[in-house]
Amino acid sequence: MNCGCKNSLDCCEVRAFQAQVIKLLNAIYSMITTVVVSPITPATAGTETVTRLTATGSGTITQGALGVAITNVGSSNGVVQGEPIYPNQSVNLGAIYSNSANIFYYLPEISYDGTGTTLSITVLS
């Protein structure tokens, strides 16, 4: 194969390999640009509410929230969903959006117990 190299067979092999890679990349690019993507229905704008509270006892956050942030601002352990939340620890939970299903999966009911400590809770619903 004469590829313009002066006397290196390796150079010719490299150029032949590069040509194959370029051909393959062009084929892949061609496939990508011809993929038809079905349009996603845009989300409807809503009015979200931010609720802040301080808890020194037990309670629940109603199912359906978009986001929840709970921080233990006290000096003893608290509990969120049956698991300890230590002083100065934060737990952040958020709804998940599925592109393939075009749907939000909102948060379930969330239980907390701030007995003996103080939990700062922010809910986006």
PDB file of N, CA and C in Angstrom:
ATOM      1  N   MET A   1       0.858  -1.170   0.000  1.00  0.00           N
ATOM      2  CA  MET A   1       0.000   0.000   0.000  1.00  0.00           C
ATOM      3  C   MET A   1       0.897   1.224   0.000  1.00  0.00           C
ATOM      4  N   ASN A   2       0.626   2.131  -0.884  1.00  0.00           N
ATOM      5  CA  ASN A   2       1.414   3.346  -0.954  1.00  0.00           C
ATOM      6  C   ASN A   2       0.536   4.501  -0.480  1.00  0.00           C
ATOM      7  N   CYS A   3       0.825   4.973   0.750  1.00  0.00           N
ATOM      8  CA  CYS A   3      -0.008   6.021   1.325  1.00  0.00           C
ATOM      9  C   CYS A   3       0.744   7.335   1.436  1.00  0.00           C
ATOM     10  N   GLY A   4       1.906   7.416   0.863  1.00  0.00           N
ATOM     11  CA  GLY A   4       2.673   8.651   0.927  1.00  0.00           C
ATOM     12  C   GLY A   4       3.788   8.598   1.949  1.00  0.00           C
ATOM     13  N   CYS A   5       3.879   7.498   2.676  1.00  0.00           N
ATOM     14  CA  CYS A   5       4.960   7.365   3.647  1.00  0.00           C
ATOM     15  C   CYS A   5       6.244   7.034   2.885  1.00  0.00           C
ATOM     16  N   LYS A   6       7.344   7.466   3.406  1.00  0.00           N
ATOM     17  CA  LYS A   6       8.609   7.241   2.703  1.00  0.00           C
ATOM     18  C   LYS A   6       9.036   5.789   2.762  1.00  0.00           C
ATOM     19  N   ASN A   7       9.045   5.175   3.943  1.00  0.00           N
ATOM     20  CA  ASN A   7       9.481   3.786   4.002  1.00  0.00           C
ATOM     21  C   ASN A   7       8.976   3.084   5.262  1.00  0.00           C
ATOM     22  N   SER A   8       7.775   3.413   5.695  1.00  0.00           N
ATOM     23  CA  SER A   8       7.275   2.788   6.906  1.00  0.00           C
ATOM     24  C   SER A   8       5.950   2.085   6.627  1.00  0.00           C
ATOM     25  N   LEU A   9       5.990   0.763   6.727  1.00  0.00           N
ATOM     26  CA  LEU A   9       4.767  -0.017   6.529  1.00  0.00           C
ATOM     27  C   LEU A   9       3.782   0.310   7.650  1.00  0.00           C
ATOM     28  N   ASP A  10       4.291   0.540   8.876  1.00  0.00           N
ATOM     29  CA  ASP A  10       3.419   0.859   9.999  1.00  0.00           C
ATOM     30  C   ASP A  10       2.591   2.114   9.728  1.00  0.00           C
ATOM     31  N   CYS A  11       3.197   3.091   9.092  1.00  0.00           N
ATOM     32  CA  CYS A  11       2.494   4.328   8.778  1.00  0.00           C
ATOM     33  C   CYS A  11       1.318   4.033   7.860  1.00  0.00           C
ATOM     34  N   CYS A  12       1.507   3.206   6.865  1.00  0.00           N
ATOM     35  CA  CYS A  12       0.432   2.855   5.940  1.00  0.00           C
ATOM     36  C   CYS A  12      -0.688   2.118   6.667  1.00  0.00           C
ATOM     37  N   GLU A  13      -0.332   1.239   7.592  1.00  0.00           N
ATOM     38  CA  GLU A  13      -1.344   0.506   8.350  1.00  0.00           C
ATOM     39  C   GLU A  13      -2.135   1.457   9.241  1.00  0.00           C
ATOM     40  N   VAL A  14      -1.451   2.415   9.851  1.00  0.00           N
ATOM     41  CA  VAL A  14      -2.130   3.393  10.706  1.00  0.00           C
ATOM     42  C   VAL A  14      -3.107   4.217   9.887  1.00  0.00           C
ATOM     43  N   ARG A  15      -2.684   4.667   8.711  1.00  0.00           N
ATOM     44  CA  ARG A  15      -3.571   5.476   7.863  1.00  0.00           C
ATOM     45  C   ARG A  15      -4.769   4.653   7.386  1.00  0.00           C
ATOM     46  N   ALA A  16      -4.564   3.395   7.087  1.00  0.00           N
ATOM     47  CA  ALA A  16      -5.674   2.533   6.668  1.00  0.00           C
ATOM     48  C   ALA A  16      -6.655   2.354   7.824  1.00  0.00           C
ATOM     49  N   PHE A  17      -6.135   2.168   9.026  1.00  0.00           N
ATOM     50  CA  PHE A  17      -6.974   2.023  10.207  1.00  0.00           C
ATOM     51  C   PHE A  17      -7.749   3.321  10.462  1.00  0.00           C
ATOM     52  N   GLN A  18      -7.072   4.463  10.347  1.00  0.00           N
ATOM     53  CA  GLN A  18      -7.736   5.749  10.540  1.00  0.00           C
ATOM     54  C   GLN A  18      -8.872   5.928   9.543  1.00  0.00           C
ATOM     55  N   ALA A  19      -8.653   5.525   8.311  1.00  0.00           N
ATOM     56  CA  ALA A  19      -9.692   5.636   7.291  1.00  0.00           C
ATOM     57  C   ALA A  19     -10.905   4.785   7.656  1.00  0.00           C
ATOM     58  N   GLN A  20     -10.672   3.578   8.215  1.00  0.00           N
ATOM     59  CA  GLN A  20     -11.779   2.714   8.627  1.00  0.00           C
ATOM     60  C   GLN A  20     -12.542   3.348   9.786  1.00  0.00           C
ATOM     61  N   VAL A  21     -11.805   3.930  10.736  1.00  0.00           N
ATOM     62  CA  VAL A  21     -12.448   4.563  11.891  1.00  0.00           C
ATOM     63  C   VAL A  21     -13.298   5.741  11.435  1.00  0.00           C
ATOM     64  N   ILE A  22     -12.772   6.555  10.535  1.00  0.00           N
ATOM     65  CA  ILE A  22     -13.526   7.700  10.028  1.00  0.00           C
ATOM     66  C   ILE A  22     -14.783   7.241   9.308  1.00  0.00           C
ATOM     67  N   LYS A  23     -14.679   6.176   8.514  1.00  0.00           N
ATOM     68  CA  LYS A  23     -15.843   5.637   7.811  1.00  0.00           C
ATOM     69  C   LYS A  23     -16.894   5.156   8.812  1.00  0.00           C
ATOM     70  N   LEU A  24     -16.459   4.474   9.870  1.00  0.00           N
ATOM     71  CA  LEU A  24     -17.368   3.982  10.898  1.00  0.00           C
ATOM     72  C   LEU A  24     -18.029   5.146  11.639  1.00  0.00           C
ATOM     73  N   LEU A  25     -17.259   6.170  12.001  1.00  0.00           N
ATOM     74  CA  LEU A  25     -17.814   7.324  12.699  1.00  0.00           C
ATOM     75  C   LEU A  25     -18.836   8.052  11.831  1.00  0.00           C
ATOM     76  N   ASN A  26     -18.549   8.170  10.540  1.00  0.00           N
ATOM     77  CA  ASN A  26     -19.507   8.798   9.633  1.00  0.00           C
ATOM     78  C   ASN A  26     -20.804   7.998   9.566  1.00  0.00           C
ATOM     79  N   ALA A  27     -20.699   6.680   9.571  1.00  0.00           N
ATOM     80  CA  ALA A  27     -21.894   5.829   9.551  1.00  0.00           C
ATOM     81  C   ALA A  27     -22.696   6.012  10.839  1.00  0.00           C
ATOM     82  N   ILE A  28     -22.012   6.068  11.978  1.00  0.00           N
ATOM     83  CA  ILE A  28     -22.691   6.271  13.268  1.00  0.00           C
ATOM     84  C   ILE A  28     -23.369   7.630  13.282  1.00  0.00           C
ATOM     85  N   TYR A  29     -22.666   8.659  12.832  1.00  0.00           N
ATOM     86  CA  TYR A  29     -23.234  10.006  12.788  1.00  0.00           C
ATOM     87  C   TYR A  29     -24.488  10.020  11.919  1.00  0.00           C
ATOM     88  N   SER A  30     -24.437   9.336  10.808  1.00  0.00           N
ATOM     89  CA  SER A  30     -25.588   9.266   9.914  1.00  0.00           C
ATOM     90  C   SER A  30     -26.778   8.629  10.626  1.00  0.00           C
ATOM     91  N   MET A  31     -26.546   7.584  11.419  1.00  0.00           N
ATOM     92  CA  MET A  31     -27.633   6.933  12.146  1.00  0.00           C
ATOM     93  C   MET A  31     -28.198   7.854  13.219  1.00  0.00           C
ATOM     94  N   ILE A  32     -27.315   8.566  13.917  1.00  0.00           N
ATOM     95  CA  ILE A  32     -27.761   9.444  14.997  1.00  0.00           C
ATOM     96  C   ILE A  32     -28.631  10.565  14.443  1.00  0.00           C
ATOM     97  N   THR A  33     -28.237  11.139  13.342  1.00  0.00           N
ATOM     98  CA  THR A  33     -28.989  12.280  12.803  1.00  0.00           C
ATOM     99  C   THR A  33     -30.299  11.870  12.162  1.00  0.00           C
ATOM    100  N   THR A  34     -30.513  10.577  11.930  1.00  0.00           N
ATOM    101  CA  THR A  34     -31.776  10.151  11.329  1.00  0.00           C
ATOM    102  C   THR A  34     -32.731   9.556  12.354  1.00  0.00           C
ATOM    103  N   VAL A  35     -32.376   9.543  13.632  1.00  0.00           N
ATOM    104  CA  VAL A  35     -33.265   9.037  14.663  1.00  0.00           C
ATOM    105  C   VAL A  35     -34.426  10.008  14.835  1.00  0.00           C
ATOM    106  N   VAL A  36     -35.621   9.495  14.839  1.00  0.00           N
ATOM    107  CA  VAL A  36     -36.797  10.332  15.034  1.00  0.00           C
ATOM    108  C   VAL A  36     -37.170  10.279  16.504  1.00  0.00           C
ATOM    109  N   VAL A  37     -37.220  11.425  17.123  1.00  0.00           N
ATOM    110  CA  VAL A  37     -37.572  11.501  18.536  1.00  0.00           C
ATOM    111  C   VAL A  37     -39.000  12.006  18.639  1.00  0.00           C
ATOM    112  N   SER A  38     -39.819  11.249  19.349  1.00  0.00           N
ATOM    113  CA  SER A  38     -41.201  11.694  19.506  1.00  0.00           C
ATOM    114  C   SER A  38     -41.225  12.886  20.456  1.00  0.00           C
ATOM    115  N   PRO A  39     -42.063  13.854  20.171  1.00  0.00           N
ATOM    116  CA  PRO A  39     -42.090  15.057  21.004  1.00  0.00           C
ATOM    117  C   PRO A  39     -42.624  14.741  22.395  1.00  0.00           C
ATOM    118  N   ILE A  40     -42.057  15.419  23.371  1.00  0.00           N
ATOM    119  CA  ILE A  40     -42.496  15.268  24.756  1.00  0.00           C
ATOM    120  C   ILE A  40     -43.486  16.379  25.048  1.00  0.00           C
ATOM    121  N   THR A  41     -44.596  16.010  25.624  1.00  0.00           N
ATOM    122  CA  THR A  41     -45.582  17.007  25.992  1.00  0.00           C
ATOM    123  C   THR A  41     -44.991  17.883  27.090  1.00  0.00           C
ATOM    124  N   PRO A  42     -44.977  19.183  26.894  1.00  0.00           N
ATOM    125  CA  PRO A  42     -44.384  20.051  27.907  1.00  0.00           C
ATOM    126  C   PRO A  42     -45.163  19.987  29.211  1.00  0.00           C
ATOM    127  N   ALA A  43     -44.443  20.153  30.296  1.00  0.00           N
ATOM    128  CA  ALA A  43     -45.074  20.150  31.611  1.00  0.00           C
ATOM    129  C   ALA A  43     -45.932  21.399  31.764  1.00  0.00           C
ATOM    130  N   THR A  44     -46.977  21.266  32.510  1.00  0.00           N
ATOM    131  CA  THR A  44     -47.844  22.402  32.791  1.00  0.00           C
ATOM    132  C   THR A  44     -47.292  23.137  34.003  1.00  0.00           C
ATOM    133  N   ALA A  45     -47.205  24.442  33.890  1.00  0.00           N
ATOM    134  CA  ALA A  45     -46.713  25.243  35.009  1.00  0.00           C
ATOM    135  C   ALA A  45     -47.718  25.181  36.146  1.00  0.00           C
ATOM    136  N   GLY A  46     -47.219  25.078  37.343  1.00  0.00           N
ATOM    137  CA  GLY A  46     -48.081  25.032  38.509  1.00  0.00           C
ATOM    138  C   GLY A  46     -47.622  26.034  39.541  1.00  0.00           C
ATOM    139  N   THR A  47     -48.331  26.085  40.626  1.00  0.00           N
ATOM    140  CA  THR A  47     -47.958  26.958  41.726  1.00  0.00           C
ATOM    141  C   THR A  47     -47.465  26.083  42.861  1.00  0.00           C
ATOM    142  N   GLU A  48     -46.185  26.207  43.152  1.00  0.00           N
ATOM    143  CA  GLU A  48     -45.608  25.416  44.220  1.00  0.00           C
ATOM    144  C   GLU A  48     -45.660  26.215  45.525  1.00  0.00           C
ATOM    145  N   THR A  49     -45.709  25.497  46.620  1.00  0.00           N
ATOM    146  CA  THR A  49     -45.749  26.108  47.939  1.00  0.00           C
ATOM    147  C   THR A  49     -44.553  25.621  48.739  1.00  0.00           C
ATOM    148  N   VAL A  50     -43.856  26.544  49.369  1.00  0.00           N
ATOM    149  CA  VAL A  50     -42.755  26.192  50.260  1.00  0.00           C
ATOM    150  C   VAL A  50     -43.249  26.364  51.690  1.00  0.00           C
ATOM    151  N   THR A  51     -43.151  25.290  52.456  1.00  0.00           N
ATOM    152  CA  THR A  51     -43.581  25.307  53.849  1.00  0.00           C
ATOM    153  C   THR A  51     -42.372  25.016  54.731  1.00  0.00           C
ATOM    154  N   ARG A  52     -42.146  25.867  55.724  1.00  0.00           N
ATOM    155  CA  ARG A  52     -41.037  25.647  56.657  1.00  0.00           C
ATOM    156  C   ARG A  52     -41.617  25.443  58.038  1.00  0.00           C
ATOM    157  N   LEU A  53     -41.064  24.466  58.758  1.00  0.00           N
ATOM    158  CA  LEU A  53     -41.506  24.232  60.127  1.00  0.00           C
ATOM    159  C   LEU A  53     -40.356  23.710  60.970  1.00  0.00           C
ATOM    160  N   THR A  54     -40.515  23.867  62.267  1.00  0.00           N
ATOM    161  CA  THR A  54     -39.557  23.346  63.228  1.00  0.00           C
ATOM    162  C   THR A  54     -40.279  22.285  64.036  1.00  0.00           C
ATOM    163  N   ALA A  55     -39.698  21.102  64.116  1.00  0.00           N
ATOM    164  CA  ALA A  55     -40.353  19.988  64.803  1.00  0.00           C
ATOM    165  C   ALA A  55     -39.524  19.536  65.998  1.00  0.00           C
ATOM    166  N   THR A  56     -40.194  19.427  67.141  1.00  0.00           N
ATOM    167  CA  THR A  56     -39.561  18.874  68.346  1.00  0.00           C
ATOM    168  C   THR A  56     -40.315  17.636  68.812  1.00  0.00           C
ATOM    169  N   GLY A  57     -41.156  17.130  67.946  1.00  0.00           N
ATOM    170  CA  GLY A  57     -41.923  15.921  68.212  1.00  0.00           C
ATOM    171  C   GLY A  57     -42.030  15.122  66.928  1.00  0.00           C
ATOM    172  N   SER A  58     -42.958  14.165  66.918  1.00  0.00           N
ATOM    173  CA  SER A  58     -43.094  13.318  65.731  1.00  0.00           C
ATOM    174  C   SER A  58     -44.183  13.850  64.822  1.00  0.00           C
ATOM    175  N   GLY A  59     -44.123  13.440  63.562  1.00  0.00           N
ATOM    176  CA  GLY A  59     -45.126  13.861  62.598  1.00  0.00           C
ATOM    177  C   GLY A  59     -44.859  13.222  61.253  1.00  0.00           C
ATOM    178  N   THR A  60     -45.651  13.627  60.270  1.00  0.00           N
ATOM    179  CA  THR A  60     -45.475  13.114  58.910  1.00  0.00           C
ATOM    180  C   THR A  60     -45.611  14.259  57.910  1.00  0.00           C
ATOM    181  N   ILE A  61     -44.962  14.072  56.794  1.00  0.00           N
ATOM    182  CA  ILE A  61     -45.103  14.975  55.665  1.00  0.00           C
ATOM    183  C   ILE A  61     -45.987  14.244  54.663  1.00  0.00           C
ATOM    184  N   THR A  62     -47.040  14.887  54.244  1.00  0.00           N
ATOM    185  CA  THR A  62     -48.043  14.271  53.372  1.00  0.00           C
ATOM    186  C   THR A  62     -47.434  13.795  52.053  1.00  0.00           C
ATOM    187  N   GLN A  63     -47.900  12.661  51.604  1.00  0.00           N
ATOM    188  CA  GLN A  63     -47.500  12.101  50.306  1.00  0.00           C
ATOM    189  C   GLN A  63     -47.766  13.119  49.207  1.00  0.00           C
ATOM    190  N   GLY A  64     -46.871  13.167  48.200  1.00  0.00           N
ATOM    191  CA  GLY A  64     -47.088  14.014  47.035  1.00  0.00           C
ATOM    192  C   GLY A  64     -46.195  15.236  46.960  1.00  0.00           C
ATOM    193  N   ALA A  65     -45.289  15.412  47.917  1.00  0.00           N
ATOM    194  CA  ALA A  65     -44.386  16.572  47.878  1.00  0.00           C
ATOM    195  C   ALA A  65     -43.389  16.434  46.729  1.00  0.00           C
ATOM    196  N   LEU A  66     -42.951  17.574  46.219  1.00  0.00           N
ATOM    197  CA  LEU A  66     -41.908  17.591  45.193  1.00  0.00           C
ATOM    198  C   LEU A  66     -40.521  17.482  45.808  1.00  0.00           C
ATOM    199  N   GLY A  67     -40.339  18.081  46.982  1.00  0.00           N
ATOM    200  CA  GLY A  67     -39.042  18.050  47.634  1.00  0.00           C
ATOM    201  C   GLY A  67     -39.180  18.270  49.121  1.00  0.00           C
ATOM    202  N   VAL A  68     -38.260  17.660  49.860  1.00  0.00           N
ATOM    203  CA  VAL A  68     -38.233  17.794  51.318  1.00  0.00           C
ATOM    204  C   VAL A  68     -36.779  17.892  51.754  1.00  0.00           C
ATOM    205  N   ALA A  69     -36.502  18.856  52.645  1.00  0.00           N
ATOM    206  CA  ALA A  69     -35.176  18.972  53.253  1.00  0.00           C
ATOM    207  C   ALA A  69     -35.373  18.974  54.757  1.00  0.00           C
ATOM    208  N   ILE A  70     -34.691  18.071  55.436  1.00  0.00           N
ATOM    209  CA  ILE A  70     -34.793  17.985  56.894  1.00  0.00           C
ATOM    210  C   ILE A  70     -33.382  18.072  57.461  1.00  0.00           C
ATOM    211  N   THR A  71     -33.173  19.018  58.364  1.00  0.00           N
ATOM    212  CA  THR A  71     -31.880  19.185  59.019  1.00  0.00           C
ATOM    213  C   THR A  71     -32.070  19.087  60.514  1.00  0.00           C
ATOM    214  N   ASN A  72     -31.222  18.303  61.169  1.00  0.00           N
ATOM    215  CA  ASN A  72     -31.248  18.210  62.619  1.00  0.00           C
ATOM    216  C   ASN A  72     -30.404  19.365  63.165  1.00  0.00           C
ATOM    217  N   VAL A  73     -31.076  20.397  63.671  1.00  0.00           N
ATOM    218  CA  VAL A  73     -30.380  21.566  64.212  1.00  0.00           C
ATOM    219  C   VAL A  73     -30.233  21.478  65.726  1.00  0.00           C
ATOM    220  N   GLY A  74     -30.666  20.353  66.298  1.00  0.00           N
ATOM    221  CA  GLY A  74     -30.544  20.142  67.737  1.00  0.00           C
ATOM    222  C   GLY A  74     -29.247  19.444  68.092  1.00  0.00           C
ATOM    223  N   SER A  75     -29.180  18.973  69.348  1.00  0.00           N
ATOM    224  CA  SER A  75     -27.941  18.347  69.823  1.00  0.00           C
ATOM    225  C   SER A  75     -28.080  16.845  70.057  1.00  0.00           C
ATOM    226  N   SER A  76     -29.256  16.283  69.806  1.00  0.00           N
ATOM    227  CA  SER A  76     -29.476  14.843  69.958  1.00  0.00           C
ATOM    228  C   SER A  76     -29.946  14.263  68.629  1.00  0.00           C
ATOM    229  N   ASN A  77     -29.932  12.940  68.540  1.00  0.00           N
ATOM    230  CA  ASN A  77     -30.387  12.278  67.322  1.00  0.00           C
ATOM    231  C   ASN A  77     -31.890  12.420  67.148  1.00  0.00           C
ATOM    232  N   GLY A  78     -32.318  12.543  65.892  1.00  0.00           N
ATOM    233  CA  GLY A  78     -33.717  12.490  65.529  1.00  0.00           C
ATOM    234  C   GLY A  78     -33.932  11.266  64.653  1.00  0.00           C
ATOM    235  N   VAL A  79     -35.118  11.148  64.080  1.00  0.00           N
ATOM    236  CA  VAL A  79     -35.428   9.994  63.232  1.00  0.00           C
ATOM    237  C   VAL A  79     -36.191  10.483  61.996  1.00  0.00           C
ATOM    238  N   VAL A  80     -35.794   9.978  60.819  1.00  0.00           N
ATOM    239  CA  VAL A  80     -36.515  10.239  59.570  1.00  0.00           C
ATOM    240  C   VAL A  80     -36.701   8.898  58.872  1.00  0.00           C
ATOM    241  N   GLN A  81     -37.950   8.550  58.619  1.00  0.00           N
ATOM    242  CA  GLN A  81     -38.290   7.278  57.971  1.00  0.00           C
ATOM    243  C   GLN A  81     -37.661   6.087  58.710  1.00  0.00           C
ATOM    244  N   GLY A  82     -37.629   6.150  60.016  1.00  0.00           N
ATOM    245  CA  GLY A  82     -37.114   5.043  60.819  1.00  0.00           C
ATOM    246  C   GLY A  82     -35.597   4.997  60.943  1.00  0.00           C
ATOM    247  N   GLU A  83     -34.896   5.933  60.324  1.00  0.00           N
ATOM    248  CA  GLU A  83     -33.432   5.969  60.372  1.00  0.00           C
ATOM    249  C   GLU A  83     -32.972   7.192  61.156  1.00  0.00           C
ATOM    250  N   PRO A  84     -31.860   7.057  61.892  1.00  0.00           N
ATOM    251  CA  PRO A  84     -31.389   8.208  62.674  1.00  0.00           C
ATOM    252  C   PRO A  84     -30.904   9.362  61.785  1.00  0.00           C
ATOM    253  N   ILE A  85     -31.184  10.562  62.255  1.00  0.00           N
ATOM    254  CA  ILE A  85     -30.610  11.765  61.656  1.00  0.00           C
ATOM    255  C   ILE A  85     -29.823  12.438  62.776  1.00  0.00           C
ATOM    256  N   TYR A  86     -28.535  12.521  62.592  1.00  0.00           N
ATOM    257  CA  TYR A  86     -27.622  12.987  63.626  1.00  0.00           C
ATOM    258  C   TYR A  86     -27.568  14.510  63.677  1.00  0.00           C
ATOM    259  N   PRO A  87     -27.144  15.085  64.792  1.00  0.00           N
ATOM    260  CA  PRO A  87     -27.020  16.534  64.873  1.00  0.00           C
ATOM    261  C   PRO A  87     -26.188  17.087  63.706  1.00  0.00           C
ATOM    262  N   ASN A  88     -26.665  18.167  63.107  1.00  0.00           N
ATOM    263  CA  ASN A  88     -26.050  18.853  61.964  1.00  0.00           C
ATOM    264  C   ASN A  88     -26.133  18.058  60.657  1.00  0.00           C
ATOM    265  N   GLN A  89     -26.833  16.950  60.656  1.00  0.00           N
ATOM    266  CA  GLN A  89     -27.007  16.171  59.430  1.00  0.00           C
ATOM    267  C   GLN A  89     -28.271  16.630  58.718  1.00  0.00           C
ATOM    268  N   SER A  90     -28.224  16.605  57.382  1.00  0.00           N
ATOM    269  CA  SER A  90     -29.388  16.955  56.567  1.00  0.00           C
ATOM    270  C   SER A  90     -29.777  15.775  55.685  1.00  0.00           C
ATOM    271  N   VAL A  91     -31.074  15.672  55.431  1.00  0.00           N
ATOM    272  CA  VAL A  91     -31.607  14.680  54.508  1.00  0.00           C
ATOM    273  C   VAL A  91     -32.406  15.453  53.467  1.00  0.00           C
ATOM    274  N   ASN A  92     -32.073  15.261  52.189  1.00  0.00           N
ATOM    275  CA  ASN A  92     -32.770  15.947  51.101  1.00  0.00           C
ATOM    276  C   ASN A  92     -33.383  14.906  50.184  1.00  0.00           C
ATOM    277  N   LEU A  93     -34.676  15.040  49.935  1.00  0.00           N
ATOM    278  CA  LEU A  93     -35.396  14.093  49.100  1.00  0.00           C
ATOM    279  C   LEU A  93     -36.129  14.869  48.017  1.00  0.00           C
ATOM    280  N   GLY A  94     -36.177  14.311  46.818  1.00  0.00           N
ATOM    281  CA  GLY A  94     -36.852  15.000  45.725  1.00  0.00           C
ATOM    282  C   GLY A  94     -37.612  14.050  44.822  1.00  0.00           C
ATOM    283  N   ALA A  95     -38.646  14.586  44.208  1.00  0.00           N
ATOM    284  CA  ALA A  95     -39.405  13.818  43.227  1.00  0.00           C
ATOM    285  C   ALA A  95     -38.486  13.489  42.059  1.00  0.00           C
ATOM    286  N   ILE A  96     -38.810  12.432  41.352  1.00  0.00           N
ATOM    287  CA  ILE A  96     -38.002  11.989  40.219  1.00  0.00           C
ATOM    288  C   ILE A  96     -38.842  12.110  38.956  1.00  0.00           C
ATOM    289  N   TYR A  97     -38.236  12.643  37.902  1.00  0.00           N
ATOM    290  CA  TYR A  97     -38.921  12.745  36.614  1.00  0.00           C
ATOM    291  C   TYR A  97     -38.382  11.667  35.689  1.00  0.00           C
ATOM    292  N   SER A  98     -39.273  10.905  35.091  1.00  0.00           N
ATOM    293  CA  SER A  98     -38.901   9.877  34.133  1.00  0.00           C
ATOM    294  C   SER A  98     -39.115  10.411  32.727  1.00  0.00           C
ATOM    295  N   ASN A  99     -38.022  10.597  31.987  1.00  0.00           N
ATOM    296  CA  ASN A  99     -38.134  11.063  30.607  1.00  0.00           C
ATOM    297  C   ASN A  99     -38.901  10.075  29.734  1.00  0.00           C
ATOM    298  N   SER A 100     -38.650   8.797  29.931  1.00  0.00           N
ATOM    299  CA  SER A 100     -39.278   7.802  29.067  1.00  0.00           C
ATOM    300  C   SER A 100     -40.787   7.719  29.291  1.00  0.00           C
ATOM    301  N   ALA A 101     -41.216   7.900  30.539  1.00  0.00           N
ATOM    302  CA  ALA A 101     -42.652   7.829  30.836  1.00  0.00           C
ATOM    303  C   ALA A 101     -43.304   9.209  30.830  1.00  0.00           C
ATOM    304  N   ASN A 102     -42.487  10.276  30.816  1.00  0.00           N
ATOM    305  CA  ASN A 102     -42.970  11.662  30.861  1.00  0.00           C
ATOM    306  C   ASN A 102     -43.880  11.870  32.069  1.00  0.00           C
ATOM    307  N   ILE A 103     -43.367  11.458  33.252  1.00  0.00           N
ATOM    308  CA  ILE A 103     -44.168  11.552  34.469  1.00  0.00           C
ATOM    309  C   ILE A 103     -43.263  11.839  35.667  1.00  0.00           C
ATOM    310  N   PHE A 104     -43.789  12.571  36.635  1.00  0.00           N
ATOM    311  CA  PHE A 104     -43.098  12.785  37.896  1.00  0.00           C
ATOM    312  C   PHE A 104     -43.513  11.692  38.871  1.00  0.00           C
ATOM    313  N   TYR A 105     -42.562  11.193  39.624  1.00  0.00           N
ATOM    314  CA  TYR A 105     -42.844  10.277  40.719  1.00  0.00           C
ATOM    315  C   TYR A 105     -42.645  11.076  42.000  1.00  0.00           C
ATOM    316  N   TYR A 106     -43.749  11.489  42.599  1.00  0.00           N
ATOM    317  CA  TYR A 106     -43.708  12.323  43.783  1.00  0.00           C
ATOM    318  C   TYR A 106     -43.279  11.518  45.002  1.00  0.00           C
ATOM    319  N   LEU A 107     -42.958  12.231  46.078  1.00  0.00           N
ATOM    320  CA  LEU A 107     -42.492  11.573  47.295  1.00  0.00           C
ATOM    321  C   LEU A 107     -43.638  10.896  48.039  1.00  0.00           C
ATOM    322  N   PRO A 108     -43.335   9.769  48.698  1.00  0.00           N
ATOM    323  CA  PRO A 108     -44.345   9.120  49.534  1.00  0.00           C
ATOM    324  C   PRO A 108     -44.471   9.895  50.850  1.00  0.00           C
ATOM    325  N   GLU A 109     -45.367   9.464  51.697  1.00  0.00           N
ATOM    326  CA  GLU A 109     -45.461  10.060  53.030  1.00  0.00           C
ATOM    327  C   GLU A 109     -44.126   9.847  53.752  1.00  0.00           C
ATOM    328  N   ILE A 110     -43.651  10.870  54.437  1.00  0.00           N
ATOM    329  CA  ILE A 110     -42.357  10.797  55.133  1.00  0.00           C
ATOM    330  C   ILE A 110     -42.594  11.046  56.609  1.00  0.00           C
ATOM    331  N   SER A 111     -42.135  10.095  57.424  1.00  0.00           N
ATOM    332  CA  SER A 111     -42.292  10.240  58.871  1.00  0.00           C
ATOM    333  C   SER A 111     -41.017  10.800  59.475  1.00  0.00           C
ATOM    334  N   TYR A 112     -41.180  11.550  60.570  1.00  0.00           N
ATOM    335  CA  TYR A 112     -40.032  12.097  61.292  1.00  0.00           C
ATOM    336  C   TYR A 112     -40.346  12.132  62.782  1.00  0.00           C
ATOM    337  N   ASP A 113     -39.287  12.159  63.576  1.00  0.00           N
ATOM    338  CA  ASP A 113     -39.437  12.291  65.029  1.00  0.00           C
ATOM    339  C   ASP A 113     -38.285  13.137  65.546  1.00  0.00           C
ATOM    340  N   GLY A 114     -38.629  14.326  66.023  1.00  0.00           N
ATOM    341  CA  GLY A 114     -37.634  15.243  66.577  1.00  0.00           C
ATOM    342  C   GLY A 114     -37.694  15.317  68.086  1.00  0.00           C
ATOM    343  N   THR A 115     -38.289  14.301  68.726  1.00  0.00           N
ATOM    344  CA  THR A 115     -38.377  14.290  70.185  1.00  0.00           C
ATOM    345  C   THR A 115     -36.977  14.304  70.788  1.00  0.00           C
ATOM    346  N   GLY A 116     -36.700  15.283  71.651  1.00  0.00           N
ATOM    347  CA  GLY A 116     -35.398  15.400  72.296  1.00  0.00           C
ATOM    348  C   GLY A 116     -34.385  16.197  71.474  1.00  0.00           C
ATOM    349  N   THR A 117     -34.790  16.650  70.305  1.00  0.00           N
ATOM    350  CA  THR A 117     -33.908  17.445  69.452  1.00  0.00           C
ATOM    351  C   THR A 117     -34.788  18.426  68.668  1.00  0.00           C
ATOM    352  N   THR A 118     -34.238  19.089  67.673  1.00  0.00           N
ATOM    353  CA  THR A 118     -35.006  20.019  66.859  1.00  0.00           C
ATOM    354  C   THR A 118     -34.708  19.743  65.383  1.00  0.00           C
ATOM    355  N   LEU A 119     -35.763  19.507  64.621  1.00  0.00           N
ATOM    356  CA  LEU A 119     -35.619  19.283  63.176  1.00  0.00           C
ATOM    357  C   LEU A 119     -36.153  20.504  62.443  1.00  0.00           C
ATOM    358  N   SER A 120     -35.372  21.018  61.528  1.00  0.00           N
ATOM    359  CA  SER A 120     -35.809  22.095  60.651  1.00  0.00           C
ATOM    360  C   SER A 120     -36.239  21.440  59.347  1.00  0.00           C
ATOM    361  N   ILE A 121     -37.494  21.650  58.958  1.00  0.00           N
ATOM    362  CA  ILE A 121     -38.071  20.951  57.808  1.00  0.00           C
ATOM    363  C   ILE A 121     -38.579  21.969  56.786  1.00  0.00           C
ATOM    364  N   THR A 122     -38.193  21.759  55.529  1.00  0.00           N
ATOM    365  CA  THR A 122     -38.696  22.563  54.423  1.00  0.00           C
ATOM    366  C   THR A 122     -39.334  21.618  53.414  1.00  0.00           C
ATOM    367  N   VAL A 123     -40.565  21.933  53.030  1.00  0.00           N
ATOM    368  CA  VAL A 123     -41.313  21.085  52.094  1.00  0.00           C
ATOM    369  C   VAL A 123     -41.701  21.921  50.872  1.00  0.00           C
ATOM    370  N   LEU A 124     -41.414  21.402  49.698  1.00  0.00           N
ATOM    371  CA  LEU A 124     -41.862  22.005  48.444  1.00  0.00           C
ATOM    372  C   LEU A 124     -42.988  21.143  47.911  1.00  0.00           C
ATOM    373  N   SER A 125     -44.183  21.718  47.823  1.00  0.00           N
ATOM    374  CA  SER A 125     -45.329  20.934  47.338  1.00  0.00           C
ATOM    375  C   SER A 125     -46.138  21.740  46.357  1.00  0.00           C
TER     376      SER A 125
END
